[in-house]
PDB file of N, CA and C in Angstrom:
ATOM      1  N   MET A   1      20.140   0.457 -12.395  1.00  0.00           N
ATOM      2  CA  MET A   1      18.779   0.436 -12.466  1.00  0.00           C
ATOM      3  C   MET A   1      17.769   1.755 -12.587  1.00  0.00           C
ATOM      4  N   VAL A   2      16.948   1.392 -13.339  1.00  0.00           N
ATOM      5  CA  VAL A   2      16.213   2.590 -13.506  1.00  0.00           C
ATOM      6  C   VAL A   2      14.759   2.221 -13.289  1.00  0.00           C
ATOM      7  N   ILE A   3      13.875   3.129 -12.447  1.00  0.00           N
ATOM      8  CA  ILE A   3      12.405   2.397 -12.009  1.00  0.00           C
ATOM      9  C   ILE A   3      11.807   3.270 -12.888  1.00  0.00           C
ATOM     10  N   ASN A   4      11.105   3.096 -13.805  1.00  0.00           N
ATOM     11  CA  ASN A   4       9.672   3.540 -14.507  1.00  0.00           C
ATOM     12  C   ASN A   4       8.676   3.380 -14.030  1.00  0.00           C
ATOM     13  N   SER A   5       7.787   4.327 -13.980  1.00  0.00           N
ATOM     14  CA  SER A   5       5.994   4.255 -13.968  1.00  0.00           C
ATOM     15  C   SER A   5       5.716   3.112 -14.552  1.00  0.00           C
ATOM     16  N   SER A   6       5.077   2.337 -14.391  1.00  0.00           N
ATOM     17  CA  SER A   6       4.349   1.325 -14.893  1.00  0.00           C
ATOM     18  C   SER A   6       4.938   0.302 -15.033  1.00  0.00           C
ATOM     19  N   LEU A   7       7.466  -2.388 -12.086  1.00  0.00           N
ATOM     20  CA  LEU A   7       7.307  -3.791 -11.820  1.00  0.00           C
ATOM     21  C   LEU A   7       7.098  -3.751 -10.486  1.00  0.00           C
ATOM     22  N   SER A   8       6.418  -3.441  -9.600  1.00  0.00           N
ATOM     23  CA  SER A   8       6.008  -4.042  -8.526  1.00  0.00           C
ATOM     24  C   SER A   8       4.522  -3.662  -8.262  1.00  0.00           C
ATOM     25  N   ILE A   9       3.616  -4.606  -7.985  1.00  0.00           N
ATOM     26  CA  ILE A   9       2.360  -4.122  -7.543  1.00  0.00           C
ATOM     27  C   ILE A   9       2.217  -4.286  -6.199  1.00  0.00           C
ATOM     28  N   LEU A  10       1.862  -3.000  -5.721  1.00  0.00           N
ATOM     29  CA  LEU A  10       1.715  -3.227  -4.201  1.00  0.00           C
ATOM     30  C   LEU A  10       0.085  -3.178  -3.915  1.00  0.00           C
ATOM     31  N   ILE A  11       0.104  -4.263  -2.977  1.00  0.00           N
ATOM     32  CA  ILE A  11      -1.222  -4.919  -3.009  1.00  0.00           C
ATOM     33  C   ILE A  11      -1.705  -4.490  -1.573  1.00  0.00           C
ATOM     34  N   ASP A  12      -2.801  -4.076  -1.178  1.00  0.00           N
ATOM     35  CA  ASP A  12      -3.148  -3.575   0.268  1.00  0.00           C
ATOM     36  C   ASP A  12      -4.652  -4.578   0.107  1.00  0.00           C
ATOM     37  N   GLY A  13      -5.029  -5.528   0.648  1.00  0.00           N
ATOM     38  CA  GLY A  13      -5.972  -6.859   0.752  1.00  0.00           C
ATOM     39  C   GLY A  13      -6.086  -6.925  -1.086  1.00  0.00           C
ATOM     40  N   SER A  14      -7.162  -6.528  -1.553  1.00  0.00           N
ATOM     41  CA  SER A  14      -7.219  -7.204  -3.087  1.00  0.00           C
ATOM     42  C   SER A  14      -7.205  -6.381  -3.728  1.00  0.00           C
ATOM     43  N   VAL A  15      -7.014  -5.212  -3.448  1.00  0.00           N
ATOM     44  CA  VAL A  15      -6.968  -3.860  -4.400  1.00  0.00           C
ATOM     45  C   VAL A  15      -5.472  -3.370  -5.075  1.00  0.00           C
ATOM     46  N   ILE A  16      -5.350  -3.562  -5.969  1.00  0.00           N
ATOM     47  CA  ILE A  16      -3.993  -3.323  -6.825  1.00  0.00           C
ATOM     48  C   ILE A  16      -3.870  -1.630  -6.928  1.00  0.00           C
ATOM     49  N   SER A  17      -2.864  -1.139  -6.174  1.00  0.00           N
ATOM     50  CA  SER A  17      -2.687   0.382  -5.970  1.00  0.00           C
ATOM     51  C   SER A  17      -1.735   1.208  -6.710  1.00  0.00           C
ATOM     52  N   GLU A  18      -0.806   0.227  -7.350  1.00  0.00           N
ATOM     53  CA  GLU A  18       0.629   0.795  -7.821  1.00  0.00           C
ATOM     54  C   GLU A  18       1.296  -0.415  -8.773  1.00  0.00           C
ATOM     55  N   ALA A  19       1.542   0.183 -10.031  1.00  0.00           N
ATOM     56  CA  ALA A  19       2.337  -0.860 -11.133  1.00  0.00           C
ATOM     57  C   ALA A  19       2.941  -0.023 -11.723  1.00  0.00           C
ATOM     58  N   MET A  20       4.452  -0.881 -11.325  1.00  0.00           N
ATOM     59  CA  MET A  20       5.812  -0.216 -12.373  1.00  0.00           C
ATOM     60  C   MET A  20       6.528  -1.254 -13.131  1.00  0.00           C
ATOM     61  N   VAL A  21       7.416  -0.738 -13.925  1.00  0.00           N
ATOM     62  CA  VAL A  21       8.426  -1.935 -14.708  1.00  0.00           C
ATOM     63  C   VAL A  21       9.673  -1.288 -14.182  1.00  0.00           C
ATOM     64  N   ILE A  22      10.473  -2.292 -13.993  1.00  0.00           N
ATOM     65  CA  ILE A  22      11.900  -1.798 -13.335  1.00  0.00           C
ATOM     66  C   ILE A  22      13.098  -2.399 -14.765  1.00  0.00           C
ATOM     67  N   ILE A  23      13.613  -1.380 -15.081  1.00  0.00           N
ATOM     68  CA  ILE A  23      14.627  -1.750 -16.430  1.00  0.00           C
ATOM     69  C   ILE A  23      15.845  -1.647 -16.015  1.00  0.00           C
ATOM     70  N   ASP A  24      16.778  -2.954 -16.161  1.00  0.00           N
ATOM     71  CA  ASP A  24      18.194  -2.563 -16.207  1.00  0.00           C
ATOM     72  C   ASP A  24      18.986  -2.146 -17.187  1.00  0.00           C
ATOM     73  N   ASN A  25      19.366  -0.895 -17.316  1.00  0.00           N
ATOM     74  CA  ASN A  25      19.829  -0.669 -18.456  1.00  0.00           C
ATOM     75  C   ASN A  25      21.140  -1.226 -18.835  1.00  0.00           C
ATOM     76  N   ASP A  26      21.780  -1.242 -17.388  1.00  0.00           N
ATOM     77  CA  ASP A  26      23.458  -1.793 -17.647  1.00  0.00           C
ATOM     78  C   ASP A  26      23.537  -3.401 -18.250  1.00  0.00           C
ATOM     79  N   HIS A  27      22.504  -4.321 -17.616  1.00  0.00           N
ATOM     80  CA  HIS A  27      22.454  -5.372 -18.215  1.00  0.00           C
ATOM     81  C   HIS A  27      21.488  -5.857 -19.556  1.00  0.00           C
ATOM     82  N   GLU A  28      20.865  -4.928 -19.893  1.00  0.00           N
ATOM     83  CA  GLU A  28      19.736  -5.148 -21.098  1.00  0.00           C
ATOM     84  C   GLU A  28      18.814  -5.765 -20.778  1.00  0.00           C
ATOM     85  N   LYS A  29      18.321  -5.788 -19.586  1.00  0.00           N
ATOM     86  CA  LYS A  29      17.093  -6.604 -18.970  1.00  0.00           C
ATOM     87  C   LYS A  29      16.130  -5.847 -18.486  1.00  0.00           C
ATOM     88  N   THR A  30      15.010  -6.369 -18.796  1.00  0.00           N
ATOM     89  CA  THR A  30      13.797  -5.768 -18.612  1.00  0.00           C
ATOM     90  C   THR A  30      12.873  -6.613 -17.452  1.00  0.00           C
ATOM     91  N   ILE A  31      12.335  -6.269 -16.545  1.00  0.00           N
ATOM     92  CA  ILE A  31      11.409  -7.237 -15.660  1.00  0.00           C
ATOM     93  C   ILE A  31      10.304  -6.711 -15.792  1.00  0.00           C
ATOM     94  N   HIS A  32       9.170  -7.239 -16.326  1.00  0.00           N
ATOM     95  CA  HIS A  32       7.896  -6.712 -16.234  1.00  0.00           C
ATOM     96  C   HIS A  32       6.628  -7.174 -15.523  1.00  0.00           C
ATOM     97  N   CYS A  33       6.008  -6.097 -14.755  1.00  0.00           N
ATOM     98  CA  CYS A  33       5.270  -6.585 -13.803  1.00  0.00           C
ATOM     99  C   CYS A  33       4.255  -5.631 -14.312  1.00  0.00           C
ATOM    100  N   TYR A  34       2.712  -6.185 -14.152  1.00  0.00           N
ATOM    101  CA  TYR A  34       1.978  -5.161 -14.547  1.00  0.00           C
ATOM    102  C   TYR A  34       0.384  -5.850 -14.253  1.00  0.00           C
ATOM    103  N   PRO A  35      -0.470  -5.303 -13.952  1.00  0.00           N
ATOM    104  CA  PRO A  35      -2.144  -5.867 -13.810  1.00  0.00           C
ATOM    105  C   PRO A  35      -2.521  -6.218 -14.727  1.00  0.00           C
ATOM    106  N   CYS A  36      -2.572  -7.881 -14.378  1.00  0.00           N
ATOM    107  CA  CYS A  36      -3.108  -8.662 -15.432  1.00  0.00           C
ATOM    108  C   CYS A  36      -4.681  -9.682 -15.017  1.00  0.00           C
ATOM    109  N   ASN A  37      -5.455  -9.549 -15.639  1.00  0.00           N
ATOM    110  CA  ASN A  37      -6.600 -10.288 -15.074  1.00  0.00           C
ATOM    111  C   ASN A  37      -6.492 -11.871 -14.816  1.00  0.00           C
ATOM    112  N   ALA A  38      -5.498 -12.158 -15.737  1.00  0.00           N
ATOM    113  CA  ALA A  38      -5.425 -13.821 -15.537  1.00  0.00           C
ATOM    114  C   ALA A  38      -4.347 -14.141 -14.349  1.00  0.00           C
ATOM    115  N   ASN A  39      -4.013 -13.065 -13.645  1.00  0.00           N
ATOM    116  CA  ASN A  39      -2.731 -13.068 -12.427  1.00  0.00           C
ATOM    117  C   ASN A  39      -3.378 -12.752 -11.347  1.00  0.00           C
ATOM    118  N   VAL A  40      -4.759 -11.874 -11.265  1.00  0.00           N
ATOM    119  CA  VAL A  40      -5.008 -11.327 -10.037  1.00  0.00           C
ATOM    120  C   VAL A  40      -5.488 -12.360  -9.074  1.00  0.00           C
ATOM    121  N   ASP A  41      -5.980 -13.285  -9.301  1.00  0.00           N
ATOM    122  CA  ASP A  41      -6.637 -14.384  -8.254  1.00  0.00           C
ATOM    123  C   ASP A  41      -5.226 -15.168  -7.619  1.00  0.00           C
ATOM    124  N   THR A  42      -4.179 -15.375  -8.727  1.00  0.00           N
ATOM    125  CA  THR A  42      -2.847 -15.845  -8.042  1.00  0.00           C
ATOM    126  C   THR A  42      -2.412 -14.611  -7.008  1.00  0.00           C
ATOM    127  N   THR A  43      -2.647 -13.563  -7.947  1.00  0.00           N
ATOM    128  CA  THR A  43      -1.608 -12.600  -7.162  1.00  0.00           C
ATOM    129  C   THR A  43      -2.338 -12.341  -5.799  1.00  0.00           C
ATOM    130  N   ILE A  44      -3.353 -12.237  -5.511  1.00  0.00           N
ATOM    131  CA  ILE A  44      -4.208 -12.477  -4.305  1.00  0.00           C
ATOM    132  C   ILE A  44      -4.018 -13.294  -3.486  1.00  0.00           C
ATOM    133  N   ALA A  45      -4.088 -14.686  -3.841  1.00  0.00           N
ATOM    134  CA  ALA A  45      -3.587 -15.730  -3.093  1.00  0.00           C
ATOM    135  C   ALA A  45      -2.388 -15.867  -2.667  1.00  0.00           C
ATOM    136  N   LEU A  46      -1.398 -15.679  -3.017  1.00  0.00           N
ATOM    137  CA  LEU A  46       0.405 -15.118  -2.693  1.00  0.00           C
ATOM    138  C   LEU A  46       0.050 -14.049  -1.858  1.00  0.00           C
ATOM    139  N   HIS A  47      -0.585 -13.307  -1.818  1.00  0.00           N
ATOM    140  CA  HIS A  47      -0.553 -12.125  -1.098  1.00  0.00           C
ATOM    141  C   HIS A  47      -1.163 -12.493   0.366  1.00  0.00           C
ATOM    142  N   GLU A  48      -2.342 -13.129   0.520  1.00  0.00           N
ATOM    143  CA  GLU A  48      -2.869 -13.783   1.679  1.00  0.00           C
ATOM    144  C   GLU A  48      -1.837 -14.812   2.319  1.00  0.00           C
ATOM    145  N   LEU A  49      -0.966 -15.616   1.723  1.00  0.00           N
ATOM    146  CA  LEU A  49      -0.272 -16.429   2.178  1.00  0.00           C
ATOM    147  C   LEU A  49       0.814 -15.723   2.693  1.00  0.00           C
ATOM    148  N   ALA A  50       1.418 -14.570   2.119  1.00  0.00           N
ATOM    149  CA  ALA A  50       2.717 -13.964   2.335  1.00  0.00           C
ATOM    150  C   ALA A  50       2.169 -13.384   4.098  1.00  0.00           C
ATOM    151  N   VAL A  51       0.850 -12.537   3.877  1.00  0.00           N
ATOM    152  CA  VAL A  51       0.650 -11.530   5.186  1.00  0.00           C
ATOM    153  C   VAL A  51       0.136 -12.989   5.976  1.00  0.00           C
ATOM    154  N   SER A  52      -0.134 -13.515   6.151  1.00  0.00           N
ATOM    155  CA  SER A  52      -0.498 -14.679   7.216  1.00  0.00           C
ATOM    156  C   SER A  52       1.002 -15.233   7.739  1.00  0.00           C
ATOM    157  N   LEU A  53       1.697 -15.309   6.840  1.00  0.00           N
ATOM    158  CA  LEU A  53       3.007 -15.670   7.270  1.00  0.00           C
ATOM    159  C   LEU A  53       3.739 -14.525   8.757  1.00  0.00           C
ATOM    160  N   ILE A  54       3.377 -13.266   8.127  1.00  0.00           N
ATOM    161  CA  ILE A  54       3.649 -12.586   9.146  1.00  0.00           C
ATOM    162  C   ILE A  54       2.925 -12.305  10.440  1.00  0.00           C
ATOM    163  N   ARG A  55       1.502 -12.414  10.338  1.00  0.00           N
ATOM    164  CA  ARG A  55       0.643 -12.534  11.168  1.00  0.00           C
ATOM    165  C   ARG A  55       0.891 -13.565  12.072  1.00  0.00           C
ATOM    166  N   LYS A  56       0.825 -14.537  11.613  1.00  0.00           N
ATOM    167  CA  LYS A  56       1.236 -15.716  12.946  1.00  0.00           C
ATOM    168  C   LYS A  56       2.796 -15.682  13.408  1.00  0.00           C
ATOM    169  N   ASN A  57       3.530 -14.695  12.849  1.00  0.00           N
ATOM    170  CA  ASN A  57       4.919 -14.748  13.613  1.00  0.00           C
ATOM    171  C   ASN A  57       5.777 -15.711  13.224  1.00  0.00           C
ATOM    172  N   ILE A  58       5.382 -16.287  12.047  1.00  0.00           N
ATOM    173  CA  ILE A  58       6.205 -17.220  11.024  1.00  0.00           C
ATOM    174  C   ILE A  58       7.450 -16.548  10.562  1.00  0.00           C
ATOM    175  N   ALA A  59       7.568 -15.196  10.051  1.00  0.00           N
ATOM    176  CA  ALA A  59       8.579 -14.247   9.370  1.00  0.00           C
ATOM    177  C   ALA A  59       8.046 -13.094   9.705  1.00  0.00           C
ATOM    178  N   LYS A  60       9.244 -12.392   9.186  1.00  0.00           N
ATOM    179  CA  LYS A  60       9.133 -11.013   9.497  1.00  0.00           C
ATOM    180  C   LYS A  60       8.948 -10.246   8.040  1.00  0.00           C
ATOM    181  N   PRO A  61       8.456  -8.968   7.781  1.00  0.00           N
ATOM    182  CA  PRO A  61       8.402  -8.233   6.702  1.00  0.00           C
ATOM    183  C   PRO A  61       9.700  -7.987   6.313  1.00  0.00           C
ATOM    184  N   MET A  62       9.735  -7.699   4.983  1.00  0.00           N
ATOM    185  CA  MET A  62      10.770  -7.754   4.025  1.00  0.00           C
ATOM    186  C   MET A  62      12.082  -8.798   4.313  1.00  0.00           C
ATOM    187  N   ASN A  63      11.797  -9.676   4.888  1.00  0.00           N
ATOM    188  CA  ASN A  63      12.963 -10.572   5.114  1.00  0.00           C
ATOM    189  C   ASN A  63      12.710 -11.971   4.790  1.00  0.00           C
ATOM    190  N   CYS A  64      11.420 -12.167   4.213  1.00  0.00           N
ATOM    191  CA  CYS A  64      11.195 -13.543   3.140  1.00  0.00           C
ATOM    192  C   CYS A  64      10.248 -13.205   2.127  1.00  0.00           C
ATOM    193  N   TYR A  65      10.098 -14.307   1.327  1.00  0.00           N
ATOM    194  CA  TYR A  65       9.030 -14.121   0.411  1.00  0.00           C
ATOM    195  C   TYR A  65       8.498 -15.354  -0.377  1.00  0.00           C
ATOM    196  N   VAL A  66       7.618 -15.477  -0.750  1.00  0.00           N
ATOM    197  CA  VAL A  66       6.652 -16.350  -1.459  1.00  0.00           C
ATOM    198  C   VAL A  66       6.605 -16.174  -2.646  1.00  0.00           C
ATOM    199  N   ALA A  67       7.130 -17.335  -3.607  1.00  0.00           N
ATOM    200  CA  ALA A  67       7.099 -17.296  -4.669  1.00  0.00           C
ATOM    201  C   ALA A  67       6.501 -18.432  -5.312  1.00  0.00           C
ATOM    202  N   LEU A  68       5.808 -18.237  -6.786  1.00  0.00           N
ATOM    203  CA  LEU A  68       5.281 -19.300  -7.544  1.00  0.00           C
ATOM    204  C   LEU A  68       6.142 -18.713  -8.921  1.00  0.00           C
ATOM    205  N   ILE A  69       6.595 -20.102  -8.986  1.00  0.00           N
ATOM    206  CA  ILE A  69       7.749 -20.241 -10.364  1.00  0.00           C
ATOM    207  C   ILE A  69       7.426 -21.262 -11.131  1.00  0.00           C
ATOM    208  N   MET A  70       6.896 -20.715 -12.352  1.00  0.00           N
ATOM    209  CA  MET A  70       6.521 -21.884 -13.557  1.00  0.00           C
ATOM    210  C   MET A  70       7.872 -21.620 -14.600  1.00  0.00           C
ATOM    211  N   ALA A  71       7.682 -22.442 -15.614  1.00  0.00           N
ATOM    212  CA  ALA A  71       8.547 -22.503 -16.859  1.00  0.00           C
ATOM    213  C   ALA A  71       9.338 -21.323 -17.567  1.00  0.00           C
ATOM    214  N   ARG A  72       7.824 -20.581 -17.548  1.00  0.00           N
ATOM    215  CA  ARG A  72       8.253 -19.275 -18.303  1.00  0.00           C
ATOM    216  C   ARG A  72       8.220 -17.750 -17.509  1.00  0.00           C
ATOM    217  N   LYS A  73       7.283 -18.170 -16.393  1.00  0.00           N
ATOM    218  CA  LYS A  73       7.177 -16.632 -15.713  1.00  0.00           C
ATOM    219  C   LYS A  73       7.208 -17.148 -14.503  1.00  0.00           C
ATOM    220  N   GLY A  74       7.235 -16.174 -13.437  1.00  0.00           N
ATOM    221  CA  GLY A  74       6.813 -16.304 -12.025  1.00  0.00           C
ATOM    222  C   GLY A  74       6.447 -15.280 -11.323  1.00  0.00           C
ATOM    223  N   ILE A  75       5.873 -15.380 -10.169  1.00  0.00           N
ATOM    224  CA  ILE A  75       5.558 -14.060  -9.365  1.00  0.00           C
ATOM    225  C   ILE A  75       5.968 -14.445  -7.911  1.00  0.00           C
ATOM    226  N   VAL A  76       6.495 -13.308  -7.372  1.00  0.00           N
ATOM    227  CA  VAL A  76       7.497 -13.481  -5.953  1.00  0.00           C
ATOM    228  C   VAL A  76       6.535 -12.229  -5.267  1.00  0.00           C
ATOM    229  N   THR A  77       6.249 -12.793  -4.113  1.00  0.00           N
ATOM    230  CA  THR A  77       5.566 -11.653  -3.030  1.00  0.00           C
ATOM    231  C   THR A  77       6.577 -11.328  -2.128  1.00  0.00           C
ATOM    232  N   ILE A  78       6.813 -10.215  -1.800  1.00  0.00           N
ATOM    233  CA  ILE A  78       7.711  -9.783  -0.595  1.00  0.00           C
ATOM    234  C   ILE A  78       6.471  -9.310   0.368  1.00  0.00           C
ATOM    235  N   PRO A  79       6.323  -9.857   1.591  1.00  0.00           N
ATOM    236  CA  PRO A  79       5.760  -8.976   2.302  1.00  0.00           C
ATOM    237  C   PRO A  79       6.113  -7.734   3.315  1.00  0.00           C
ATOM    238  N   ILE A  80       5.310  -6.457   3.234  1.00  0.00           N
ATOM    239  CA  ILE A  80       6.067  -5.323   3.353  1.00  0.00           C
ATOM    240  C   ILE A  80       5.377  -5.084   4.846  1.00  0.00           C
ATOM    241  N   SER A  81       4.148  -5.364   5.403  1.00  0.00           N
ATOM    242  CA  SER A  81       3.873  -5.286   6.503  1.00  0.00           C
ATOM    243  C   SER A  81       2.677  -6.386   6.819  1.00  0.00           C
ATOM    244  N   GLU A  82       1.450  -6.086   7.875  1.00  0.00           N
ATOM    245  CA  GLU A  82       0.807  -7.328   8.045  1.00  0.00           C
ATOM    246  C   GLU A  82      -0.225  -7.117   7.143  1.00  0.00           C
ATOM    247  N   SER A  83      -0.297  -6.058   6.222  1.00  0.00           N
ATOM    248  CA  SER A  83      -1.346  -5.846   5.324  1.00  0.00           C
ATOM    249  C   SER A  83      -1.133  -5.882   3.857  1.00  0.00           C
ATOM    250  N   ARG A  84       0.130  -5.820   3.634  1.00  0.00           N
ATOM    251  CA  ARG A  84       0.814  -4.993   2.352  1.00  0.00           C
ATOM    252  C   ARG A  84       2.018  -5.903   1.946  1.00  0.00           C
ATOM    253  N   THR A  85       1.814  -5.953   0.869  1.00  0.00           N
ATOM    254  CA  THR A  85       2.962  -6.790  -0.405  1.00  0.00           C
ATOM    255  C   THR A  85       3.175  -6.382  -1.443  1.00  0.00           C
ATOM    256  N   LEU A  86       4.634  -6.484  -1.750  1.00  0.00           N
ATOM    257  CA  LEU A  86       5.418  -6.271  -3.053  1.00  0.00           C
ATOM    258  C   LEU A  86       5.235  -7.118  -3.754  1.00  0.00           C
ATOM    259  N   ASN A  87       4.497  -7.255  -5.196  1.00  0.00           N
ATOM    260  CA  ASN A  87       4.335  -8.236  -6.095  1.00  0.00           C
ATOM    261  C   ASN A  87       5.491  -8.095  -7.298  1.00  0.00           C
ATOM    262  N   ILE A  88       6.380  -8.865  -7.682  1.00  0.00           N
ATOM    263  CA  ILE A  88       7.034  -8.889  -9.042  1.00  0.00           C
ATOM    264  C   ILE A  88       6.509 -10.266  -9.758  1.00  0.00           C
ATOM    265  N   HIS A  89       6.304  -9.900 -10.934  1.00  0.00           N
ATOM    266  CA  HIS A  89       5.768 -10.451 -12.079  1.00  0.00           C
ATOM    267  C   HIS A  89       7.139 -10.853 -12.769  1.00  0.00           C
ATOM    268  N   ILE A  90       7.904 -11.804 -12.899  1.00  0.00           N
ATOM    269  CA  ILE A  90       9.529 -12.080 -13.905  1.00  0.00           C
ATOM    270  C   ILE A  90       8.983 -12.817 -14.691  1.00  0.00           C
ATOM    271  N   ASN A  91       9.641 -12.332 -16.011  1.00  0.00           N
ATOM    272  CA  ASN A  91       9.461 -13.125 -17.194  1.00  0.00           C
ATOM    273  C   ASN A  91      10.773 -13.723 -17.267  1.00  0.00           C
ATOM    274  N   THR A  92      11.672 -13.903 -16.670  1.00  0.00           N
ATOM    275  CA  THR A  92      12.995 -15.020 -16.481  1.00  0.00           C
ATOM    276  C   THR A  92      13.008 -15.724 -15.095  1.00  0.00           C
ATOM    277  N   PRO A  93      12.401 -16.713 -15.039  1.00  0.00           N
ATOM    278  CA  PRO A  93      12.359 -17.349 -13.888  1.00  0.00           C
ATOM    279  C   PRO A  93      13.361 -17.610 -13.217  1.00  0.00           C
ATOM    280  N   PRO A  94      14.779 -18.479 -13.773  1.00  0.00           N
ATOM    281  CA  PRO A  94      15.797 -18.661 -12.975  1.00  0.00           C
ATOM    282  C   PRO A  94      16.337 -17.399 -12.241  1.00  0.00           C
ATOM    283  N   LEU A  95      16.044 -16.268 -12.841  1.00  0.00           N
ATOM    284  CA  LEU A  95      16.741 -14.944 -12.004  1.00  0.00           C
ATOM    285  C   LEU A  95      15.924 -14.210 -10.613  1.00  0.00           C
ATOM    286  N   TYR A  96      14.643 -15.288 -10.565  1.00  0.00           N
ATOM    287  CA  TYR A  96      13.865 -14.826  -9.690  1.00  0.00           C
ATOM    288  C   TYR A  96      14.704 -14.545  -7.883  1.00  0.00           C
ATOM    289  N   ARG A  97      15.488 -15.674  -7.737  1.00  0.00           N
ATOM    290  CA  ARG A  97      16.232 -15.480  -6.215  1.00  0.00           C
ATOM    291  C   ARG A  97      17.063 -14.254  -6.320  1.00  0.00           C
ATOM    292  N   LYS A  98      17.810 -13.967  -7.393  1.00  0.00           N
ATOM    293  CA  LYS A  98      18.681 -12.913  -7.315  1.00  0.00           C
ATOM    294  C   LYS A  98      18.047 -11.514  -7.506  1.00  0.00           C
ATOM    295  N   VAL A  99      16.961 -11.153  -8.464  1.00  0.00           N
ATOM    296  CA  VAL A  99      15.849 -10.243  -8.532  1.00  0.00           C
ATOM    297  C   VAL A  99      15.423  -9.982  -6.886  1.00  0.00           C
ATOM    298  N   THR A 100      14.646 -10.924  -6.597  1.00  0.00           N
ATOM    299  CA  THR A 100      14.105 -10.679  -5.104  1.00  0.00           C
ATOM    300  C   THR A 100      14.977 -10.591  -4.027  1.00  0.00           C
ATOM    301  N   ASN A 101      16.359 -11.155  -4.151  1.00  0.00           N
ATOM    302  CA  ASN A 101      17.039 -11.055  -2.763  1.00  0.00           C
ATOM    303  C   ASN A 101      17.599  -9.352  -2.694  1.00  0.00           C
ATOM    304  N   GLU A 102      17.785  -9.006  -3.960  1.00  0.00           N
ATOM    305  CA  GLU A 102      18.556  -7.453  -4.542  1.00  0.00           C
ATOM    306  C   GLU A 102      17.607  -6.299  -3.845  1.00  0.00           C
ATOM    307  N   LEU A 103      15.943  -6.983  -4.464  1.00  0.00           N
ATOM    308  CA  LEU A 103      15.156  -6.009  -4.176  1.00  0.00           C
ATOM    309  C   LEU A 103      14.900  -5.813  -2.442  1.00  0.00           C
ATOM    310  N   ILE A 104      14.836  -6.983  -1.760  1.00  0.00           N
ATOM    311  CA  ILE A 104      15.173  -6.777  -0.492  1.00  0.00           C
ATOM    312  C   ILE A 104      15.987  -6.098   0.123  1.00  0.00           C
ATOM    313  N   THR A 105      17.216  -6.207  -0.343  1.00  0.00           N
ATOM    314  CA  THR A 105      18.351  -5.322   0.331  1.00  0.00           C
ATOM    315  C   THR A 105      18.106  -3.835   0.050  1.00  0.00           C
ATOM    316  N   VAL A 106      17.512  -3.620  -1.006  1.00  0.00           N
ATOM    317  CA  VAL A 106      17.403  -2.139  -1.777  1.00  0.00           C
ATOM    318  C   VAL A 106      16.225  -1.796  -0.544  1.00  0.00           C
ATOM    319  N   LEU A 107      15.355  -2.380  -0.799  1.00  0.00           N
ATOM    320  CA  LEU A 107      14.106  -1.827   0.187  1.00  0.00           C
ATOM    321  C   LEU A 107      14.426  -1.388   1.692  1.00  0.00           C
ATOM    322  N   ASN A 108      15.438  -2.622   2.062  1.00  0.00           N
ATOM    323  CA  ASN A 108      16.083  -2.258   3.569  1.00  0.00           C
ATOM    324  C   ASN A 108      16.979  -1.252   4.001  1.00  0.00           C
ATOM    325  N   THR A 109      17.596  -1.116   2.679  1.00  0.00           N
ATOM    326  CA  THR A 109      18.367   0.229   2.740  1.00  0.00           C
ATOM    327  C   THR A 109      17.578   1.267   3.045  1.00  0.00           C
ATOM    328  N   LEU A 110      16.659   1.307   1.831  1.00  0.00           N
ATOM    329  CA  LEU A 110      15.658   2.577   1.972  1.00  0.00           C
ATOM    330  C   LEU A 110      15.366   3.164   3.433  1.00  0.00           C
ATOM    331  N   ILE A 111      14.688   1.980   3.981  1.00  0.00           N
ATOM    332  CA  ILE A 111      13.848   1.832   4.902  1.00  0.00           C
ATOM    333  C   ILE A 111      14.753   2.408   6.350  1.00  0.00           C
ATOM    334  N   ASN A 112      15.853   1.779   6.436  1.00  0.00           N
ATOM    335  CA  ASN A 112      17.072   2.403   7.178  1.00  0.00           C
ATOM    336  C   ASN A 112      17.386   3.734   7.243  1.00  0.00           C
ATOM    337  N   SER A 113      17.686   4.263   5.972  1.00  0.00           N
ATOM    338  CA  SER A 113      18.069   5.410   5.566  1.00  0.00           C
ATOM    339  C   SER A 113      17.068   6.788   5.799  1.00  0.00           C
ATOM    340  N   VAL A 114      15.783   6.133   5.662  1.00  0.00           N
ATOM    341  CA  VAL A 114      14.625   6.948   6.130  1.00  0.00           C
ATOM    342  C   VAL A 114      14.463   7.126   7.715  1.00  0.00           C
ATOM    343  N   SER A 115      14.754   6.005   8.292  1.00  0.00           N
ATOM    344  CA  SER A 115      14.326   5.906   9.504  1.00  0.00           C
ATOM    345  C   SER A 115      15.721   6.408  10.485  1.00  0.00           C
ATOM    346  N   GLY A 116      16.591   7.197   9.796  1.00  0.00           N
ATOM    347  CA  GLY A 116      17.721   7.491  10.336  1.00  0.00           C
ATOM    348  C   GLY A 116      18.845   6.869  10.812  1.00  0.00           C
ATOM    349  N   GLU A 117      18.918   5.445  10.334  1.00  0.00           N
ATOM    350  CA  GLU A 117      19.895   4.536  11.101  1.00  0.00           C
ATOM    351  C   GLU A 117      20.966   4.713   9.876  1.00  0.00           C
ATOM    352  N   GLY A 118      20.933   5.546   8.853  1.00  0.00           N
ATOM    353  CA  GLY A 118      21.734   5.609   7.682  1.00  0.00           C
ATOM    354  C   GLY A 118      21.701   4.564   6.721  1.00  0.00           C
ATOM    355  N   VAL A 119      22.687   4.569   5.463  1.00  0.00           N
ATOM    356  CA  VAL A 119      22.617   3.753   4.384  1.00  0.00           C
ATOM    357  C   VAL A 119      23.411   2.993   5.313  1.00  0.00           C
ATOM    358  N   LYS A 120      23.527   1.544   4.955  1.00  0.00           N
ATOM    359  CA  LYS A 120      24.313   0.442   5.509  1.00  0.00           C
ATOM    360  C   LYS A 120      24.628  -0.377   4.199  1.00  0.00           C
TER     361      LYS A 120
END
């Protein structure tokens, strides 16, 4: 899987600070994620819902996600901390669970390797 600059929107409050696209060349699939004015209100609402779950100790960062899945697209929000979320806009809704679970696994692996626990 190759991460190109411009899939995930990292949000801190209502400010979009980063945008990327993930391309899986092995399976010829692309997951697009980009700032889009039509999606900003929805993205911010999902961000607020996800971080409220963390702040209320209902869930833990990078251990859960909030998903809004429609017929042709979906948005998945993964809380990273009490104020940051990773939002993924998916053009293939049936794949959202697989994509989200794999992304959470990769994020946790990266964090564990950076924190000195090694790659699990």
